[in-house]
Amino acid sequence: MLIDTYVFEKWDKYLEVENKGKVGRPYEYPIEFFEFLMKIRALWNVPFRILESFVRILSKITGKFRSLTYVSIFKRIRKIDVRKFKDEISKSNINKEDMYIIIDLKGFKITNRGESINNKYNKKRKG
């Protein structure tokens, strides 16, 4: 699945717009970033804990932001109004016959059961 990473290119612009006139602590992450995470979660049914590790890896790669906890990801994603996405899809003039989807899941892995505990205590997998 090809996911548009435009949010990283326009990160500072989105933050500036979102924090304009905001009282209190400014946002460190634009809402578009959480929409990006929400799309990943919807496409592959990824749990919030896995999204947390995904954000941690992205933060190391990009260096734009610090990693987030799964609770903060959960709270911001739950505030997103999904009706706007439904309206965007219904307004688009895409002919479904002309649509192509490319999927490459090589290297994308959801953790196995109990793997996080093995990693935490540096245990070797027995089976």
C-alpha atoms as a PDB file:
ATOM      1  CA  MET A   1       0.000   0.000   0.000  1.00  0.00           C
ATOM      2  CA  LEU A   2       1.438   3.331  -0.986  1.00  0.00           C
ATOM      3  CA  ILE A   3       1.030   5.815   1.852  1.00  0.00           C
ATOM      4  CA  ASP A   4       1.632   9.487   1.195  1.00  0.00           C
ATOM      5  CA  THR A   5       4.247  10.877   3.588  1.00  0.00           C
ATOM      6  CA  TYR A   6       3.479  14.535   2.785  1.00  0.00           C
ATOM      7  CA  VAL A   7       3.085  15.230   6.499  1.00  0.00           C
ATOM      8  CA  PHE A   8       6.857  15.005   7.041  1.00  0.00           C
ATOM      9  CA  GLU A   9       7.605  17.426   4.219  1.00  0.00           C
ATOM     10  CA  LYS A  10       5.219  20.084   5.548  1.00  0.00           C
ATOM     11  CA  TRP A  11       5.631  19.342   9.278  1.00  0.00           C
ATOM     12  CA  ASP A  12       6.670  22.876  10.312  1.00  0.00           C
ATOM     13  CA  LYS A  13       3.948  24.522   8.223  1.00  0.00           C
ATOM     14  CA  TYR A  14       1.234  22.331   9.743  1.00  0.00           C
ATOM     15  CA  LEU A  15       2.492  23.017  13.280  1.00  0.00           C
ATOM     16  CA  GLU A  16       2.563  26.752  12.659  1.00  0.00           C
ATOM     17  CA  VAL A  17      -1.066  26.731  11.459  1.00  0.00           C
ATOM     18  CA  GLU A  18      -2.238  24.493  14.297  1.00  0.00           C
ATOM     19  CA  ASN A  19      -0.506  26.513  17.036  1.00  0.00           C
ATOM     20  CA  LYS A  20      -1.551  29.921  15.705  1.00  0.00           C
ATOM     21  CA  GLY A  21      -3.590  31.638  18.431  1.00  0.00           C
ATOM     22  CA  LYS A  22      -3.400  28.589  20.707  1.00  0.00           C
ATOM     23  CA  VAL A  23      -3.298  29.354  24.428  1.00  0.00           C
ATOM     24  CA  GLY A  24      -1.080  27.143  26.553  1.00  0.00           C
ATOM     25  CA  ARG A  25       1.517  24.603  25.546  1.00  0.00           C
ATOM     26  CA  PRO A  26       1.908  24.410  21.763  1.00  0.00           C
ATOM     27  CA  TYR A  27       1.362  21.197  19.878  1.00  0.00           C
ATOM     28  CA  GLU A  28       4.530  19.293  18.950  1.00  0.00           C
ATOM     29  CA  TYR A  29       2.790  17.068  16.393  1.00  0.00           C
ATOM     30  CA  PRO A  30       0.357  18.223  13.710  1.00  0.00           C
ATOM     31  CA  ILE A  31      -3.017  16.530  13.473  1.00  0.00           C
ATOM     32  CA  GLU A  32      -2.042  15.368   9.965  1.00  0.00           C
ATOM     33  CA  PHE A  33       0.586  13.125  11.585  1.00  0.00           C
ATOM     34  CA  PHE A  34      -2.121  11.390  13.609  1.00  0.00           C
ATOM     35  CA  GLU A  35      -4.249  11.077  10.489  1.00  0.00           C
ATOM     36  CA  PHE A  36      -1.249   9.353   8.897  1.00  0.00           C
ATOM     37  CA  LEU A  37      -1.060   6.953  11.879  1.00  0.00           C
ATOM     38  CA  MET A  38      -4.818   6.442  11.760  1.00  0.00           C
ATOM     39  CA  LYS A  39      -4.585   5.343   8.126  1.00  0.00           C
ATOM     40  CA  ILE A  40      -1.866   2.819   9.008  1.00  0.00           C
ATOM     41  CA  ARG A  41      -3.997   1.528  11.870  1.00  0.00           C
ATOM     42  CA  ALA A  42      -7.052   1.207   9.628  1.00  0.00           C
ATOM     43  CA  LEU A  43      -5.217  -0.493   6.758  1.00  0.00           C
ATOM     44  CA  TRP A  44      -3.486  -3.206   8.753  1.00  0.00           C
ATOM     45  CA  ASN A  45      -5.504  -3.275  12.004  1.00  0.00           C
ATOM     46  CA  VAL A  46      -2.371  -2.328  13.944  1.00  0.00           C
ATOM     47  CA  PRO A  47      -2.690  -2.057  17.763  1.00  0.00           C
ATOM     48  CA  PHE A  48      -1.735   1.216  19.431  1.00  0.00           C
ATOM     49  CA  ARG A  49       1.328  -0.353  21.069  1.00  0.00           C
ATOM     50  CA  ILE A  50       2.680  -1.281  17.642  1.00  0.00           C
ATOM     51  CA  LEU A  51       1.979   2.272  16.451  1.00  0.00           C
ATOM     52  CA  GLU A  52       4.043   3.466  19.406  1.00  0.00           C
ATOM     53  CA  SER A  53       7.054   1.450  18.241  1.00  0.00           C
ATOM     54  CA  PHE A  54       6.428   2.577  14.650  1.00  0.00           C
ATOM     55  CA  VAL A  55       6.558   6.230  15.799  1.00  0.00           C
ATOM     56  CA  ARG A  56       9.728   5.504  17.786  1.00  0.00           C
ATOM     57  CA  ILE A  57      11.411   4.151  14.643  1.00  0.00           C
ATOM     58  CA  LEU A  58      10.142   7.086  12.556  1.00  0.00           C
ATOM     59  CA  SER A  59      11.501   9.554  15.107  1.00  0.00           C
ATOM     60  CA  LYS A  60      14.941   7.942  14.864  1.00  0.00           C
ATOM     61  CA  ILE A  61      14.861   7.998  11.067  1.00  0.00           C
ATOM     62  CA  THR A  62      13.528  11.525  10.554  1.00  0.00           C
ATOM     63  CA  GLY A  63      14.878  13.277  13.666  1.00  0.00           C
ATOM     64  CA  LYS A  64      11.905  15.681  13.473  1.00  0.00           C
ATOM     65  CA  PHE A  65      10.152  14.679  16.679  1.00  0.00           C
ATOM     66  CA  ARG A  66      10.464  12.632  19.835  1.00  0.00           C
ATOM     67  CA  SER A  67       8.638   9.362  20.281  1.00  0.00           C
ATOM     68  CA  LEU A  68       5.125   9.170  21.733  1.00  0.00           C
ATOM     69  CA  THR A  69       3.376   6.867  24.165  1.00  0.00           C
ATOM     70  CA  TYR A  70       0.506   4.746  22.926  1.00  0.00           C
ATOM     71  CA  VAL A  71      -1.879   6.651  25.226  1.00  0.00           C
ATOM     72  CA  SER A  72      -1.110   9.992  23.583  1.00  0.00           C
ATOM     73  CA  ILE A  73      -1.487   8.410  20.132  1.00  0.00           C
ATOM     74  CA  PHE A  74      -4.804   6.879  21.223  1.00  0.00           C
ATOM     75  CA  LYS A  75      -6.159  10.172  22.590  1.00  0.00           C
ATOM     76  CA  ARG A  76      -5.245  12.249  19.533  1.00  0.00           C
ATOM     77  CA  ILE A  77      -6.525   9.651  17.041  1.00  0.00           C
ATOM     78  CA  ARG A  78      -9.834   9.375  18.907  1.00  0.00           C
ATOM     79  CA  LYS A  79     -10.335  13.159  18.518  1.00  0.00           C
ATOM     80  CA  ILE A  80     -10.119  13.021  14.702  1.00  0.00           C
ATOM     81  CA  ASP A  81     -13.430  13.484  12.908  1.00  0.00           C
ATOM     82  CA  VAL A  82     -13.565  10.660  10.358  1.00  0.00           C
ATOM     83  CA  ARG A  83     -16.568  12.159   8.561  1.00  0.00           C
ATOM     84  CA  LYS A  84     -14.214  14.494   6.708  1.00  0.00           C
ATOM     85  CA  PHE A  85     -12.442  11.467   5.171  1.00  0.00           C
ATOM     86  CA  LYS A  86     -15.772   9.982   4.149  1.00  0.00           C
ATOM     87  CA  ASP A  87     -16.707  13.282   2.467  1.00  0.00           C
ATOM     88  CA  GLU A  88     -13.339  13.436   0.667  1.00  0.00           C
ATOM     89  CA  ILE A  89     -13.793   9.902  -0.672  1.00  0.00           C
ATOM     90  CA  SER A  90     -17.370  10.522  -1.822  1.00  0.00           C
ATOM     91  CA  LYS A  91     -16.422  13.846  -3.498  1.00  0.00           C
ATOM     92  CA  SER A  92     -13.472  12.392  -5.377  1.00  0.00           C
ATOM     93  CA  ASN A  93     -14.053  11.602  -9.024  1.00  0.00           C
ATOM     94  CA  ILE A  94     -11.883   8.518  -9.050  1.00  0.00           C
ATOM     95  CA  ASN A  95     -13.056   5.836 -11.410  1.00  0.00           C
ATOM     96  CA  LYS A  96     -12.615   2.583  -9.505  1.00  0.00           C
ATOM     97  CA  GLU A  97     -11.801   0.761 -12.748  1.00  0.00           C
ATOM     98  CA  ASP A  98      -8.755   3.021 -13.242  1.00  0.00           C
ATOM     99  CA  MET A  99      -7.461   2.595  -9.689  1.00  0.00           C
ATOM    100  CA  TYR A 100      -4.286   0.612  -9.044  1.00  0.00           C
ATOM    101  CA  ILE A 101      -3.100  -0.508  -5.617  1.00  0.00           C
ATOM    102  CA  ILE A 102       0.421  -1.781  -5.057  1.00  0.00           C
ATOM    103  CA  ILE A 103       1.079  -3.798  -1.899  1.00  0.00           C
ATOM    104  CA  ASP A 104       4.504  -4.724  -0.556  1.00  0.00           C
ATOM    105  CA  LEU A 105       4.467  -6.055   2.989  1.00  0.00           C
ATOM    106  CA  LYS A 106       7.946  -7.519   2.930  1.00  0.00           C
ATOM    107  CA  GLY A 107       9.593  -6.628   6.224  1.00  0.00           C
ATOM    108  CA  PHE A 108       6.377  -5.439   7.912  1.00  0.00           C
ATOM    109  CA  LYS A 109       5.757  -7.654  10.910  1.00  0.00           C
ATOM    110  CA  ILE A 110       3.362  -7.479  13.810  1.00  0.00           C
ATOM    111  CA  THR A 111       5.055  -8.839  16.934  1.00  0.00           C
ATOM    112  CA  ASN A 112       4.451 -12.414  17.951  1.00  0.00           C
ATOM    113  CA  ARG A 113       2.707 -13.249  21.169  1.00  0.00           C
ATOM    114  CA  GLY A 114       5.036 -12.770  24.156  1.00  0.00           C
ATOM    115  CA  GLU A 115       7.822 -11.320  22.042  1.00  0.00           C
ATOM    116  CA  SER A 116       7.807  -8.005  23.920  1.00  0.00           C
ATOM    117  CA  ILE A 117       8.490  -9.811  27.223  1.00  0.00           C
ATOM    118  CA  ASN A 118      11.316 -11.804  25.629  1.00  0.00           C
ATOM    119  CA  ASN A 119      12.829  -8.575  24.342  1.00  0.00           C
ATOM    120  CA  LYS A 120      12.438  -6.891  27.724  1.00  0.00           C
ATOM    121  CA  TYR A 121      14.293  -9.631  29.625  1.00  0.00           C
ATOM    122  CA  ASN A 122      16.699 -10.530  26.798  1.00  0.00           C
ATOM    123  CA  LYS A 123      15.426 -14.093  26.579  1.00  0.00           C
ATOM    124  CA  LYS A 124      16.048 -16.278  23.553  1.00  0.00           C
ATOM    125  CA  ARG A 125      13.037 -17.689  21.776  1.00  0.00           C
ATOM    126  CA  LYS A 126      12.562 -21.395  22.463  1.00  0.00           C
ATOM    127  CA  GLY A 127      10.430 -22.383  19.539  1.00  0.00           C
END
